[in-house]
């Protein structure tokens, strides 16, 4: 779940969804809240953007992570999440991102041991 800076409300909503899914499915179900947006993970690895799009920038400040999508759109005027997130994700160095982003590290641990 992408928090979009409304973390507590998002967590509450995600827990309700998780409970609903668990009651209806016979497979494990977990939730995870991305701090702030999926793009906030990606911009913590500017080398990923450089590989995918040939655009270089410095790792943004914590305050810029809150508006990660806008941060990318300023540097990539044609950025469209539905089209470009998969491309960025394929270029992502998950080990580097795990060192830089505690939120991503928690997500990776959850996926490794659901």
N, C-alpha and C. Protein backbone atom coordinates (compact mmCIF):
# COMPACT_ATOMS: atom_id res chain seq x y z
N UNK A 1 0.85 -1.17 0.00
CA UNK A 1 0.00 0.00 0.00
C UNK A 1 0.89 1.23 0.00
N UNK A 2 0.59 2.15 -0.85
CA UNK A 2 1.33 3.41 -0.98
C UNK A 2 0.71 4.42 -0.03
N UNK A 3 1.47 4.91 0.95
CA UNK A 3 0.93 5.77 2.00
C UNK A 3 0.56 7.17 1.51
N UNK A 4 1.25 7.68 0.50
CA UNK A 4 1.00 9.04 0.03
C UNK A 4 0.93 10.04 1.18
N UNK A 5 1.82 9.87 2.16
CA UNK A 5 1.97 10.77 3.30
C UNK A 5 0.78 10.77 4.25
N UNK A 6 -0.13 9.84 4.12
CA UNK A 6 -1.25 9.70 5.04
C UNK A 6 -1.12 8.34 5.72
N UNK A 7 -0.02 8.17 6.41
CA UNK A 7 0.37 6.84 6.86
C UNK A 7 -0.63 6.18 7.81
N UNK A 8 -1.07 6.86 8.87
CA UNK A 8 -1.93 6.19 9.83
C UNK A 8 -3.26 5.77 9.22
N UNK A 9 -3.86 6.64 8.44
CA UNK A 9 -5.11 6.29 7.76
C UNK A 9 -4.89 5.11 6.81
N UNK A 10 -3.77 5.11 6.12
CA UNK A 10 -3.46 4.04 5.18
C UNK A 10 -3.24 2.72 5.91
N UNK A 11 -2.55 2.75 7.03
CA UNK A 11 -2.31 1.53 7.81
C UNK A 11 -3.64 0.95 8.28
N UNK A 12 -4.51 1.79 8.79
CA UNK A 12 -5.82 1.33 9.25
C UNK A 12 -6.60 0.68 8.11
N UNK A 13 -6.61 1.34 6.95
CA UNK A 13 -7.31 0.80 5.79
C UNK A 13 -6.68 -0.52 5.33
N UNK A 14 -5.37 -0.58 5.34
CA UNK A 14 -4.67 -1.80 4.91
C UNK A 14 -4.96 -2.96 5.85
N UNK A 15 -5.00 -2.70 7.13
CA UNK A 15 -5.30 -3.77 8.10
C UNK A 15 -6.71 -4.31 7.90
N UNK A 16 -7.67 -3.42 7.59
CA UNK A 16 -9.03 -3.87 7.31
C UNK A 16 -9.06 -4.76 6.07
N UNK A 17 -8.35 -4.34 5.04
CA UNK A 17 -8.28 -5.13 3.80
C UNK A 17 -7.62 -6.48 4.06
N UNK A 18 -6.54 -6.47 4.82
CA UNK A 18 -5.85 -7.72 5.13
C UNK A 18 -6.78 -8.68 5.88
N UNK A 19 -7.50 -8.18 6.87
CA UNK A 19 -8.43 -9.02 7.63
C UNK A 19 -9.52 -9.58 6.73
N UNK A 20 -10.04 -8.74 5.85
CA UNK A 20 -11.08 -9.18 4.93
C UNK A 20 -10.55 -10.28 4.01
N UNK A 21 -9.37 -10.07 3.45
CA UNK A 21 -8.79 -11.07 2.55
C UNK A 21 -8.49 -12.38 3.29
N UNK A 22 -7.96 -12.28 4.50
CA UNK A 22 -7.66 -13.49 5.27
C UNK A 22 -8.92 -14.29 5.56
N UNK A 23 -10.03 -13.61 5.76
CA UNK A 23 -11.28 -14.32 6.06
C UNK A 23 -11.84 -15.02 4.82
N UNK A 24 -11.44 -14.57 3.63
CA UNK A 24 -12.00 -15.13 2.40
C UNK A 24 -11.03 -16.03 1.63
N UNK A 25 -9.75 -15.97 1.94
CA UNK A 25 -8.75 -16.73 1.18
C UNK A 25 -8.11 -17.80 2.04
N UNK A 26 -7.62 -18.82 1.40
CA UNK A 26 -6.93 -19.87 2.14
C UNK A 26 -5.41 -19.78 1.97
N UNK A 27 -4.94 -18.63 1.49
CA UNK A 27 -3.50 -18.43 1.33
C UNK A 27 -3.05 -17.29 2.25
N UNK A 28 -1.78 -17.25 2.62
CA UNK A 28 -1.31 -16.17 3.49
C UNK A 28 -1.48 -14.80 2.83
N UNK A 29 -1.77 -13.83 3.63
CA UNK A 29 -1.96 -12.46 3.15
C UNK A 29 -1.29 -11.51 4.13
N UNK A 30 -0.48 -10.58 3.63
CA UNK A 30 0.20 -9.58 4.46
C UNK A 30 0.01 -8.21 3.84
N UNK A 31 0.13 -7.19 4.65
CA UNK A 31 0.09 -5.82 4.14
C UNK A 31 1.40 -5.15 4.45
N UNK A 32 1.69 -4.13 3.68
CA UNK A 32 2.88 -3.33 3.93
C UNK A 32 2.61 -1.92 3.44
N UNK A 33 3.00 -0.94 4.24
CA UNK A 33 2.79 0.46 3.87
C UNK A 33 4.11 1.06 3.41
N UNK A 34 4.12 1.52 2.18
CA UNK A 34 5.30 2.18 1.62
C UNK A 34 5.33 3.61 2.13
N UNK A 35 6.46 4.01 2.74
CA UNK A 35 6.61 5.41 3.17
C UNK A 35 7.12 6.16 1.97
N UNK A 36 6.62 6.88 1.56
CA UNK A 36 5.65 7.84 1.18
C UNK A 36 4.98 7.39 -0.11
N UNK A 37 5.76 7.09 -1.11
CA UNK A 37 5.25 6.59 -2.38
C UNK A 37 6.29 5.59 -2.90
N UNK A 38 5.89 4.72 -3.81
CA UNK A 38 6.85 3.78 -4.38
C UNK A 38 8.05 4.52 -4.97
N UNK A 39 7.80 5.67 -5.56
CA UNK A 39 8.88 6.45 -6.17
C UNK A 39 9.92 6.88 -5.14
N UNK A 40 9.51 6.98 -3.86
CA UNK A 40 10.47 7.40 -2.83
C UNK A 40 11.58 6.35 -2.67
N UNK A 41 11.27 5.09 -2.92
CA UNK A 41 12.32 4.08 -2.90
C UNK A 41 13.26 4.30 -4.08
N UNK A 42 12.69 4.51 -5.24
CA UNK A 42 13.49 4.61 -6.46
C UNK A 42 14.44 5.79 -6.46
N UNK A 43 13.99 6.93 -5.96
CA UNK A 43 14.86 8.11 -6.01
C UNK A 43 15.96 8.05 -4.96
N UNK A 44 15.90 7.07 -4.07
CA UNK A 44 17.00 6.87 -3.13
C UNK A 44 18.15 6.13 -3.79
N UNK A 45 17.92 5.66 -5.01
CA UNK A 45 18.95 5.05 -5.83
C UNK A 45 18.99 5.77 -7.17
N UNK A 46 19.55 6.99 -7.19
CA UNK A 46 19.54 7.75 -8.44
C UNK A 46 20.24 7.02 -9.59
N UNK A 47 21.15 6.12 -9.25
CA UNK A 47 21.81 5.36 -10.31
C UNK A 47 20.82 4.49 -11.08
N UNK A 48 19.72 4.08 -10.42
CA UNK A 48 18.67 3.32 -11.09
C UNK A 48 18.02 4.16 -12.19
N UNK A 49 17.72 5.41 -11.85
CA UNK A 49 17.11 6.32 -12.83
C UNK A 49 18.09 6.60 -13.96
N UNK A 50 19.37 6.72 -13.61
CA UNK A 50 20.39 6.97 -14.63
C UNK A 50 20.46 5.80 -15.62
N UNK A 51 20.41 4.57 -15.10
CA UNK A 51 20.46 3.40 -15.98
C UNK A 51 19.22 3.33 -16.86
N UNK A 52 18.06 3.56 -16.28
CA UNK A 52 16.80 3.41 -17.02
C UNK A 52 16.53 4.57 -17.99
N UNK A 53 16.92 5.81 -17.59
CA UNK A 53 16.53 6.97 -18.38
C UNK A 53 17.68 7.89 -18.79
N UNK A 54 18.88 7.63 -18.28
CA UNK A 54 20.01 8.47 -18.64
C UNK A 54 19.97 9.85 -17.99
N UNK A 55 19.26 9.98 -16.87
CA UNK A 55 19.15 11.25 -16.16
C UNK A 55 19.85 11.11 -14.82
N UNK A 56 20.78 12.03 -14.53
CA UNK A 56 21.52 11.98 -13.28
C UNK A 56 21.03 13.05 -12.31
N UNK A 57 21.00 12.70 -11.03
CA UNK A 57 20.69 13.66 -9.96
C UNK A 57 21.26 13.11 -8.66
N UNK A 58 21.35 13.97 -7.67
CA UNK A 58 21.85 13.56 -6.36
C UNK A 58 20.72 12.92 -5.57
N UNK A 59 21.08 12.08 -4.61
CA UNK A 59 20.09 11.49 -3.72
C UNK A 59 19.34 12.62 -3.02
N UNK A 60 18.01 12.61 -3.08
CA UNK A 60 17.24 13.71 -2.51
C UNK A 60 17.24 13.72 -0.99
N UNK A 61 16.85 14.86 -0.45
CA UNK A 61 16.73 14.99 1.00
C UNK A 61 15.48 14.27 1.49
N UNK A 62 15.39 14.08 2.79
CA UNK A 62 14.22 13.43 3.39
C UNK A 62 12.93 14.17 3.02
N UNK A 63 12.96 15.48 3.01
CA UNK A 63 11.75 16.24 2.70
C UNK A 63 11.31 16.01 1.24
N UNK A 64 12.24 15.76 0.36
CA UNK A 64 11.89 15.51 -1.04
C UNK A 64 11.27 14.12 -1.23
N UNK A 65 11.52 13.21 -0.29
CA UNK A 65 10.94 11.87 -0.39
C UNK A 65 9.42 11.93 -0.27
N UNK A 66 8.91 12.93 0.44
CA UNK A 66 7.46 13.07 0.61
C UNK A 66 6.77 13.36 -0.71
N UNK A 67 7.48 13.92 -1.64
CA UNK A 67 6.92 14.27 -2.95
C UNK A 67 7.75 13.62 -4.05
N UNK A 68 8.01 12.34 -3.88
CA UNK A 68 8.90 11.62 -4.79
C UNK A 68 8.40 11.60 -6.23
N UNK A 69 7.09 11.44 -6.39
CA UNK A 69 6.55 11.40 -7.74
C UNK A 69 6.81 12.72 -8.46
N UNK A 70 6.57 13.84 -7.76
CA UNK A 70 6.83 15.15 -8.36
C UNK A 70 8.32 15.35 -8.63
N UNK A 71 9.15 14.84 -7.70
CA UNK A 71 10.60 14.92 -7.87
C UNK A 71 11.00 14.26 -9.18
N UNK A 72 10.46 13.06 -9.45
CA UNK A 72 10.78 12.36 -10.70
C UNK A 72 10.19 13.09 -11.91
N UNK A 73 8.98 13.58 -11.77
CA UNK A 73 8.34 14.24 -12.91
C UNK A 73 9.07 15.51 -13.32
N UNK A 74 9.71 16.20 -12.39
CA UNK A 74 10.51 17.38 -12.74
C UNK A 74 11.74 17.00 -13.55
N UNK A 75 12.29 15.83 -13.25
CA UNK A 75 13.50 15.39 -13.93
C UNK A 75 13.20 14.56 -15.18
N UNK A 76 12.02 13.95 -15.19
CA UNK A 76 11.57 13.14 -16.32
C UNK A 76 10.20 13.64 -16.74
N UNK A 77 10.13 14.67 -17.55
CA UNK A 77 8.84 15.30 -17.89
C UNK A 77 7.78 14.34 -18.43
N UNK A 78 8.20 13.27 -19.02
CA UNK A 78 7.22 12.31 -19.57
C UNK A 78 6.99 11.12 -18.64
N UNK A 79 7.41 11.23 -17.38
CA UNK A 79 7.26 10.14 -16.43
C UNK A 79 5.79 9.78 -16.23
N UNK A 80 5.49 8.50 -16.43
CA UNK A 80 4.16 7.95 -16.20
C UNK A 80 4.33 6.69 -15.36
N UNK A 81 3.84 6.69 -14.11
CA UNK A 81 4.08 5.54 -13.23
C UNK A 81 3.69 4.20 -13.84
N UNK A 82 2.53 4.10 -14.44
CA UNK A 82 2.10 2.80 -14.97
C UNK A 82 3.03 2.26 -16.05
N UNK A 83 3.65 3.15 -16.78
CA UNK A 83 4.57 2.74 -17.84
C UNK A 83 6.00 2.61 -17.32
N UNK A 84 6.43 3.55 -16.47
CA UNK A 84 7.85 3.66 -16.12
C UNK A 84 8.28 2.95 -14.85
N UNK A 85 7.36 2.72 -13.90
CA UNK A 85 7.76 2.02 -12.67
C UNK A 85 8.32 0.62 -12.94
N UNK A 86 7.70 -0.17 -13.83
CA UNK A 86 8.29 -1.49 -14.10
C UNK A 86 9.72 -1.39 -14.66
N UNK A 87 9.93 -0.43 -15.53
CA UNK A 87 11.27 -0.23 -16.11
C UNK A 87 12.28 0.15 -15.03
N UNK A 88 11.88 1.05 -14.13
CA UNK A 88 12.76 1.44 -13.03
C UNK A 88 13.00 0.27 -12.08
N UNK A 89 11.96 -0.48 -11.79
CA UNK A 89 12.09 -1.61 -10.87
C UNK A 89 13.07 -2.66 -11.41
N UNK A 90 13.05 -2.88 -12.71
CA UNK A 90 13.99 -3.85 -13.31
C UNK A 90 15.44 -3.41 -13.16
N UNK A 91 15.68 -2.11 -13.09
CA UNK A 91 17.04 -1.58 -12.97
C UNK A 91 17.50 -1.45 -11.52
N UNK A 92 16.60 -1.66 -10.60
CA UNK A 92 16.87 -1.41 -9.19
C UNK A 92 17.87 -2.38 -8.59
N UNK A 93 18.83 -1.85 -7.86
CA UNK A 93 19.77 -2.67 -7.09
C UNK A 93 19.20 -2.79 -5.69
N UNK A 94 18.55 -3.92 -5.41
CA UNK A 94 17.83 -4.07 -4.14
C UNK A 94 18.75 -4.08 -2.93
N UNK A 95 19.97 -4.56 -3.08
CA UNK A 95 20.91 -4.54 -1.95
C UNK A 95 21.28 -3.11 -1.57
N UNK A 96 21.57 -2.29 -2.57
CA UNK A 96 21.89 -0.88 -2.31
C UNK A 96 20.69 -0.18 -1.69
N UNK A 97 19.51 -0.40 -2.25
CA UNK A 97 18.32 0.25 -1.71
C UNK A 97 18.03 -0.20 -0.29
N UNK A 98 18.26 -1.47 0.01
CA UNK A 98 18.06 -1.96 1.38
C UNK A 98 18.96 -1.24 2.38
N UNK A 99 20.16 -0.89 1.95
CA UNK A 99 21.07 -0.14 2.84
C UNK A 99 20.61 1.30 3.02
N UNK A 100 20.01 1.87 1.99
CA UNK A 100 19.64 3.29 2.02
C UNK A 100 18.23 3.55 2.58
N UNK A 101 17.35 2.59 2.46
CA UNK A 101 15.96 2.81 2.85
C UNK A 101 15.50 1.77 3.87
N UNK A 102 15.36 2.17 5.13
CA UNK A 102 14.85 1.23 6.13
C UNK A 102 13.46 0.69 5.77
N UNK A 103 12.63 1.51 5.15
CA UNK A 103 11.29 1.08 4.76
C UNK A 103 11.37 -0.02 3.70
N UNK A 104 12.23 0.13 2.71
CA UNK A 104 12.39 -0.91 1.70
C UNK A 104 12.99 -2.17 2.32
N UNK A 105 13.94 -2.00 3.23
CA UNK A 105 14.55 -3.15 3.90
C UNK A 105 13.48 -3.97 4.63
N UNK A 106 12.56 -3.30 5.32
CA UNK A 106 11.47 -3.99 6.01
C UNK A 106 10.58 -4.74 5.01
N UNK A 107 10.31 -4.10 3.87
CA UNK A 107 9.51 -4.74 2.83
C UNK A 107 10.22 -5.99 2.30
N UNK A 108 11.50 -5.88 2.02
CA UNK A 108 12.26 -7.02 1.50
C UNK A 108 12.26 -8.17 2.48
N UNK A 109 12.38 -7.88 3.76
CA UNK A 109 12.34 -8.94 4.79
C UNK A 109 10.96 -9.61 4.82
N UNK A 110 9.91 -8.82 4.72
CA UNK A 110 8.57 -9.38 4.71
C UNK A 110 8.37 -10.29 3.51
N UNK A 111 8.88 -9.89 2.35
CA UNK A 111 8.72 -10.71 1.14
C UNK A 111 9.57 -11.98 1.23
N UNK A 112 10.70 -11.91 1.91
CA UNK A 112 11.57 -13.08 2.03
C UNK A 112 10.99 -14.10 3.00
N UNK A 113 10.22 -13.62 3.98
CA UNK A 113 9.66 -14.51 5.00
C UNK A 113 8.21 -14.12 5.29
N UNK A 114 7.31 -14.44 4.35
CA UNK A 114 5.91 -14.04 4.52
C UNK A 114 5.27 -14.81 5.66
